[in-house]
Amino acid sequence: MGKQITAGELNRHVTLIKYPETPDGRGGRARTPVTVATIWAKFLVPRFAEGVTQGGLSLLITQGVEIRKRTDVERGWRVTEGTHTYDVIHVDQSNNYKTVLTLKEVIH
């Protein structure tokens, strides 16, 4: 079942963007960004994980974000907030009232 999100907890404006594949006219496929919605979200405490990549230490920082329940959000979408862009790497739909996204920031 889970706990509901209160309006006061949703304090960051984010945009959900999907990347559907469409034919490119040359036999291939193109991914064109489509803005799905601009909504309110609650950012959770970031999580840090260490690992080893190509013989050196690496650090993965993920950001949890709670939004009101949406069943259309999928892995591979993007979330933007201000000047920050994040890839959706996991979608948790186990709560009846909210969707929890795990994000990884895209560094340009």
N, C-alpha and C. Protein backbone atom coordinates (compact mmCIF):
# COMPACT_ATOMS: atom_id res chain seq x y z
N MET A 1 0.82 -1.17 0.00
CA MET A 1 0.00 0.00 0.00
C MET A 1 0.88 1.24 0.00
N GLY A 2 1.53 1.59 1.09
CA GLY A 2 2.46 2.70 1.11
C GLY A 2 1.86 4.00 1.61
N LYS A 3 2.73 4.93 1.85
CA LYS A 3 2.37 6.25 2.37
C LYS A 3 2.13 7.22 1.23
N GLN A 4 1.15 8.09 1.40
CA GLN A 4 0.88 9.12 0.39
C GLN A 4 1.91 10.24 0.49
N ILE A 5 2.09 10.95 -0.60
CA ILE A 5 2.94 12.13 -0.63
C ILE A 5 2.07 13.34 -0.35
N THR A 6 2.53 14.22 0.53
CA THR A 6 1.78 15.45 0.76
C THR A 6 2.28 16.53 -0.20
N ALA A 7 1.42 17.49 -0.48
CA ALA A 7 1.78 18.56 -1.43
C ALA A 7 3.02 19.31 -0.98
N GLY A 8 3.20 19.52 0.32
CA GLY A 8 4.36 20.25 0.83
C GLY A 8 5.68 19.55 0.60
N GLU A 9 5.66 18.21 0.44
CA GLU A 9 6.89 17.45 0.20
C GLU A 9 7.39 17.62 -1.24
N LEU A 10 6.48 17.91 -2.15
CA LEU A 10 6.83 18.06 -3.56
C LEU A 10 7.29 19.49 -3.79
N ASN A 11 8.62 19.69 -3.72
CA ASN A 11 9.14 21.06 -3.73
C ASN A 11 10.10 21.37 -4.88
N ARG A 12 10.21 20.47 -5.85
CA ARG A 12 11.09 20.71 -7.00
C ARG A 12 10.29 20.47 -8.28
N HIS A 13 10.43 21.37 -9.23
CA HIS A 13 9.75 21.26 -10.52
C HIS A 13 10.66 20.47 -11.47
N VAL A 14 10.17 19.37 -12.02
CA VAL A 14 10.96 18.56 -12.94
C VAL A 14 10.18 18.33 -14.23
N THR A 15 10.91 18.00 -15.28
CA THR A 15 10.30 17.68 -16.57
C THR A 15 10.65 16.24 -16.91
N LEU A 16 9.64 15.47 -17.30
CA LEU A 16 9.83 14.08 -17.74
C LEU A 16 9.93 14.07 -19.26
N ILE A 17 10.98 13.41 -19.77
CA ILE A 17 11.23 13.37 -21.21
C ILE A 17 11.42 11.92 -21.63
N LYS A 18 10.70 11.50 -22.68
CA LYS A 18 10.90 10.15 -23.21
C LYS A 18 11.58 10.25 -24.57
N TYR A 19 12.14 9.15 -25.02
CA TYR A 19 12.89 9.11 -26.27
C TYR A 19 12.38 7.97 -27.15
N PRO A 20 11.19 8.14 -27.76
CA PRO A 20 10.68 7.06 -28.62
C PRO A 20 11.51 6.92 -29.89
N GLU A 21 11.59 5.69 -30.36
CA GLU A 21 12.30 5.44 -31.62
C GLU A 21 11.33 5.60 -32.78
N THR A 22 11.80 6.31 -33.81
CA THR A 22 10.99 6.50 -35.01
C THR A 22 11.87 6.20 -36.23
N PRO A 23 11.28 5.75 -37.33
CA PRO A 23 12.08 5.50 -38.54
C PRO A 23 12.74 6.80 -39.01
N ASP A 24 14.01 6.69 -39.42
CA ASP A 24 14.73 7.89 -39.85
C ASP A 24 14.66 8.12 -41.35
N GLY A 25 13.93 7.28 -42.08
CA GLY A 25 13.79 7.45 -43.52
C GLY A 25 14.90 6.83 -44.33
N ARG A 26 15.91 6.28 -43.67
CA ARG A 26 17.05 5.65 -44.36
C ARG A 26 17.24 4.21 -43.91
N GLY A 27 16.19 3.63 -43.31
CA GLY A 27 16.27 2.24 -42.86
C GLY A 27 16.71 2.09 -41.41
N GLY A 28 17.02 3.18 -40.77
CA GLY A 28 17.44 3.14 -39.37
C GLY A 28 16.37 3.70 -38.45
N ARG A 29 16.74 3.91 -37.21
CA ARG A 29 15.82 4.46 -36.23
C ARG A 29 16.46 5.68 -35.58
N ALA A 30 15.64 6.69 -35.30
CA ALA A 30 16.09 7.90 -34.62
C ALA A 30 15.37 8.00 -33.28
N ARG A 31 16.05 8.57 -32.30
CA ARG A 31 15.43 8.81 -30.99
C ARG A 31 15.29 10.31 -30.83
N THR A 32 14.06 10.78 -30.82
CA THR A 32 13.77 12.20 -30.71
C THR A 32 13.11 12.47 -29.36
N PRO A 33 13.65 13.41 -28.57
CA PRO A 33 13.07 13.67 -27.25
C PRO A 33 11.65 14.24 -27.34
N VAL A 34 10.79 13.75 -26.46
CA VAL A 34 9.41 14.23 -26.36
C VAL A 34 9.13 14.56 -24.90
N THR A 35 8.77 15.82 -24.62
CA THR A 35 8.42 16.20 -23.25
C THR A 35 7.06 15.61 -22.92
N VAL A 36 7.01 14.82 -21.84
CA VAL A 36 5.78 14.16 -21.43
C VAL A 36 5.00 15.03 -20.46
N ALA A 37 5.70 15.58 -19.45
CA ALA A 37 5.01 16.38 -18.44
C ALA A 37 6.01 17.17 -17.63
N THR A 38 5.56 18.28 -17.08
CA THR A 38 6.32 19.02 -16.07
C THR A 38 5.52 18.90 -14.79
N ILE A 39 6.17 18.34 -13.75
CA ILE A 39 5.46 17.97 -12.52
C ILE A 39 6.28 18.36 -11.30
N TRP A 40 5.68 18.23 -10.14
CA TRP A 40 6.38 18.48 -8.87
C TRP A 40 6.96 17.17 -8.36
N ALA A 41 8.13 17.25 -7.71
CA ALA A 41 8.82 16.07 -7.21
C ALA A 41 9.49 16.35 -5.87
N LYS A 42 9.84 15.28 -5.19
CA LYS A 42 10.59 15.35 -3.94
C LYS A 42 11.91 14.62 -4.16
N PHE A 43 13.02 15.33 -4.02
CA PHE A 43 14.34 14.72 -4.16
C PHE A 43 14.74 14.09 -2.82
N LEU A 44 15.21 12.86 -2.86
CA LEU A 44 15.65 12.14 -1.67
C LEU A 44 17.15 12.34 -1.49
N VAL A 45 17.70 11.82 -0.41
CA VAL A 45 19.14 11.91 -0.15
C VAL A 45 19.89 11.08 -1.20
N PRO A 46 20.92 11.65 -1.85
CA PRO A 46 21.69 10.89 -2.84
C PRO A 46 22.35 9.66 -2.22
N ARG A 47 22.58 8.64 -3.05
CA ARG A 47 23.27 7.43 -2.60
C ARG A 47 24.59 7.31 -3.36
N PHE A 48 25.59 6.83 -2.65
CA PHE A 48 26.93 6.70 -3.22
C PHE A 48 27.35 5.24 -3.19
N ALA A 49 27.95 4.76 -4.29
CA ALA A 49 28.47 3.39 -4.35
C ALA A 49 29.84 3.41 -5.00
N GLU A 50 30.80 2.73 -4.36
CA GLU A 50 32.15 2.62 -4.92
C GLU A 50 32.29 1.34 -5.71
N GLY A 51 33.17 1.38 -6.70
CA GLY A 51 33.45 0.20 -7.49
C GLY A 51 34.83 0.33 -8.12
N VAL A 52 35.19 -0.68 -8.89
CA VAL A 52 36.47 -0.66 -9.60
C VAL A 52 36.16 -0.74 -11.08
N THR A 53 36.68 0.22 -11.83
CA THR A 53 36.50 0.26 -13.27
C THR A 53 37.86 0.38 -13.93
N GLN A 54 38.18 -0.55 -14.80
CA GLN A 54 39.46 -0.56 -15.51
C GLN A 54 40.64 -0.37 -14.56
N GLY A 55 40.60 -1.08 -13.43
CA GLY A 55 41.71 -1.07 -12.48
C GLY A 55 41.74 0.12 -11.55
N GLY A 56 40.80 1.05 -11.66
CA GLY A 56 40.78 2.23 -10.79
C GLY A 56 39.44 2.33 -10.06
N LEU A 57 39.45 3.10 -9.01
CA LEU A 57 38.23 3.29 -8.25
C LEU A 57 37.25 4.15 -9.03
N SER A 58 35.97 3.83 -8.90
CA SER A 58 34.93 4.66 -9.50
C SER A 58 33.84 4.90 -8.47
N LEU A 59 33.10 5.96 -8.66
CA LEU A 59 32.05 6.32 -7.73
C LEU A 59 30.77 6.55 -8.53
N LEU A 60 29.70 5.86 -8.12
CA LEU A 60 28.40 6.05 -8.76
C LEU A 60 27.51 6.77 -7.76
N ILE A 61 26.97 7.90 -8.17
CA ILE A 61 26.06 8.67 -7.34
C ILE A 61 24.68 8.59 -7.99
N THR A 62 23.70 8.09 -7.23
CA THR A 62 22.34 8.03 -7.74
C THR A 62 21.45 8.93 -6.90
N GLN A 63 20.41 9.40 -7.52
CA GLN A 63 19.48 10.31 -6.87
C GLN A 63 18.09 9.70 -6.91
N GLY A 64 17.46 9.56 -5.76
CA GLY A 64 16.07 9.09 -5.71
C GLY A 64 15.14 10.28 -5.79
N VAL A 65 14.03 10.11 -6.51
CA VAL A 65 13.04 11.16 -6.66
C VAL A 65 11.66 10.53 -6.54
N GLU A 66 10.83 11.11 -5.69
CA GLU A 66 9.45 10.66 -5.56
C GLU A 66 8.53 11.61 -6.32
N ILE A 67 7.58 11.01 -7.06
CA ILE A 67 6.58 11.78 -7.77
C ILE A 67 5.22 11.14 -7.49
N ARG A 68 4.16 11.88 -7.74
CA ARG A 68 2.83 11.27 -7.62
C ARG A 68 2.75 10.09 -8.58
N LYS A 69 1.96 9.10 -8.23
CA LYS A 69 1.87 7.85 -8.99
C LYS A 69 1.67 8.10 -10.48
N ARG A 70 2.59 7.53 -11.27
CA ARG A 70 2.50 7.54 -12.73
C ARG A 70 2.88 6.15 -13.21
N THR A 71 2.11 5.59 -14.10
CA THR A 71 2.41 4.25 -14.60
C THR A 71 3.09 4.28 -15.97
N ASP A 72 3.29 5.47 -16.53
CA ASP A 72 3.88 5.57 -17.87
C ASP A 72 5.39 5.75 -17.87
N VAL A 73 6.00 6.09 -16.74
CA VAL A 73 7.44 6.37 -16.72
C VAL A 73 8.22 5.07 -16.85
N GLU A 74 9.29 5.10 -17.67
CA GLU A 74 10.10 3.90 -17.93
C GLU A 74 11.59 4.20 -17.81
N ARG A 75 12.34 3.13 -17.61
CA ARG A 75 13.80 3.22 -17.69
C ARG A 75 14.17 3.77 -19.05
N GLY A 76 15.21 4.61 -19.09
CA GLY A 76 15.63 5.19 -20.37
C GLY A 76 15.07 6.59 -20.60
N TRP A 77 14.07 6.98 -19.81
CA TRP A 77 13.58 8.35 -19.90
C TRP A 77 14.60 9.27 -19.26
N ARG A 78 14.39 10.55 -19.38
CA ARG A 78 15.23 11.54 -18.70
C ARG A 78 14.35 12.45 -17.86
N VAL A 79 14.99 13.00 -16.83
CA VAL A 79 14.35 13.98 -15.95
C VAL A 79 15.26 15.19 -15.94
N THR A 80 14.68 16.38 -16.14
CA THR A 80 15.46 17.60 -16.02
C THR A 80 14.92 18.41 -14.86
N GLU A 81 15.84 19.07 -14.17
CA GLU A 81 15.48 19.96 -13.06
C GLU A 81 16.48 21.10 -13.09
N GLY A 82 16.01 22.29 -13.43
CA GLY A 82 16.92 23.43 -13.58
C GLY A 82 17.93 23.13 -14.67
N THR A 83 19.21 23.23 -14.34
CA THR A 83 20.28 22.97 -15.31
C THR A 83 20.77 21.52 -15.26
N HIS A 84 20.13 20.69 -14.45
CA HIS A 84 20.55 19.29 -14.29
C HIS A 84 19.70 18.36 -15.13
N THR A 85 20.37 17.36 -15.72
CA THR A 85 19.70 16.34 -16.51
C THR A 85 20.08 14.98 -15.93
N TYR A 86 19.08 14.10 -15.78
CA TYR A 86 19.28 12.79 -15.18
C TYR A 86 18.71 11.71 -16.09
N ASP A 87 19.37 10.54 -16.14
CA ASP A 87 18.83 9.35 -16.78
C ASP A 87 18.04 8.56 -15.76
N VAL A 88 16.87 8.06 -16.13
CA VAL A 88 16.10 7.18 -15.26
C VAL A 88 16.69 5.78 -15.40
N ILE A 89 17.26 5.25 -14.29
CA ILE A 89 17.88 3.93 -14.34
C ILE A 89 17.04 2.87 -13.64
N HIS A 90 16.02 3.29 -12.87
CA HIS A 90 15.11 2.34 -12.22
C HIS A 90 13.81 3.04 -11.89
N VAL A 91 12.70 2.31 -12.02
CA VAL A 91 11.38 2.84 -11.69
C VAL A 91 10.72 1.88 -10.70
N ASP A 92 10.36 2.37 -9.52
CA ASP A 92 9.70 1.56 -8.49
C ASP A 92 8.22 1.94 -8.44
N GLN A 93 7.37 1.01 -8.82
CA GLN A 93 5.92 1.24 -8.85
C GLN A 93 5.22 0.51 -7.69
N SER A 94 5.96 0.06 -6.67
CA SER A 94 5.38 -0.78 -5.62
C SER A 94 4.46 -0.05 -4.66
N ASN A 95 4.48 1.27 -4.64
CA ASN A 95 3.63 2.06 -3.76
C ASN A 95 2.36 2.47 -4.51
N ASN A 96 1.22 2.43 -3.84
CA ASN A 96 -0.05 2.78 -4.49
C ASN A 96 -0.20 4.28 -4.76
N TYR A 97 0.58 5.11 -4.08
CA TYR A 97 0.38 6.56 -4.14
C TYR A 97 1.50 7.31 -4.83
N LYS A 98 2.67 6.68 -4.96
CA LYS A 98 3.80 7.40 -5.54
C LYS A 98 4.64 6.47 -6.39
N THR A 99 5.41 7.07 -7.28
CA THR A 99 6.40 6.38 -8.08
C THR A 99 7.75 6.91 -7.64
N VAL A 100 8.71 5.99 -7.41
CA VAL A 100 10.05 6.39 -7.01
C VAL A 100 11.00 6.10 -8.16
N LEU A 101 11.68 7.14 -8.62
CA LEU A 101 12.64 7.02 -9.71
C LEU A 101 14.05 7.04 -9.15
N THR A 102 14.92 6.17 -9.65
CA THR A 102 16.34 6.24 -9.35
C THR A 102 17.00 6.85 -10.57
N LEU A 103 17.74 7.95 -10.33
CA LEU A 103 18.33 8.73 -11.42
C LEU A 103 19.84 8.76 -11.31
N LYS A 104 20.48 8.92 -12.46
CA LYS A 104 21.93 9.14 -12.53
C LYS A 104 22.12 10.41 -13.36
N GLU A 105 22.87 11.36 -12.79
CA GLU A 105 23.04 12.63 -13.50
C GLU A 105 23.86 12.46 -14.76
N VAL A 106 23.42 13.14 -15.81
CA VAL A 106 24.13 13.14 -17.09
C VAL A 106 25.09 14.32 -17.07
N ILE A 107 26.38 14.04 -17.19
CA ILE A 107 27.40 15.08 -17.20
C ILE A 107 27.74 15.39 -18.65
N HIS A 108 27.57 16.66 -19.03
CA HIS A 108 27.83 17.06 -20.43
C HIS A 108 29.24 17.53 -20.59
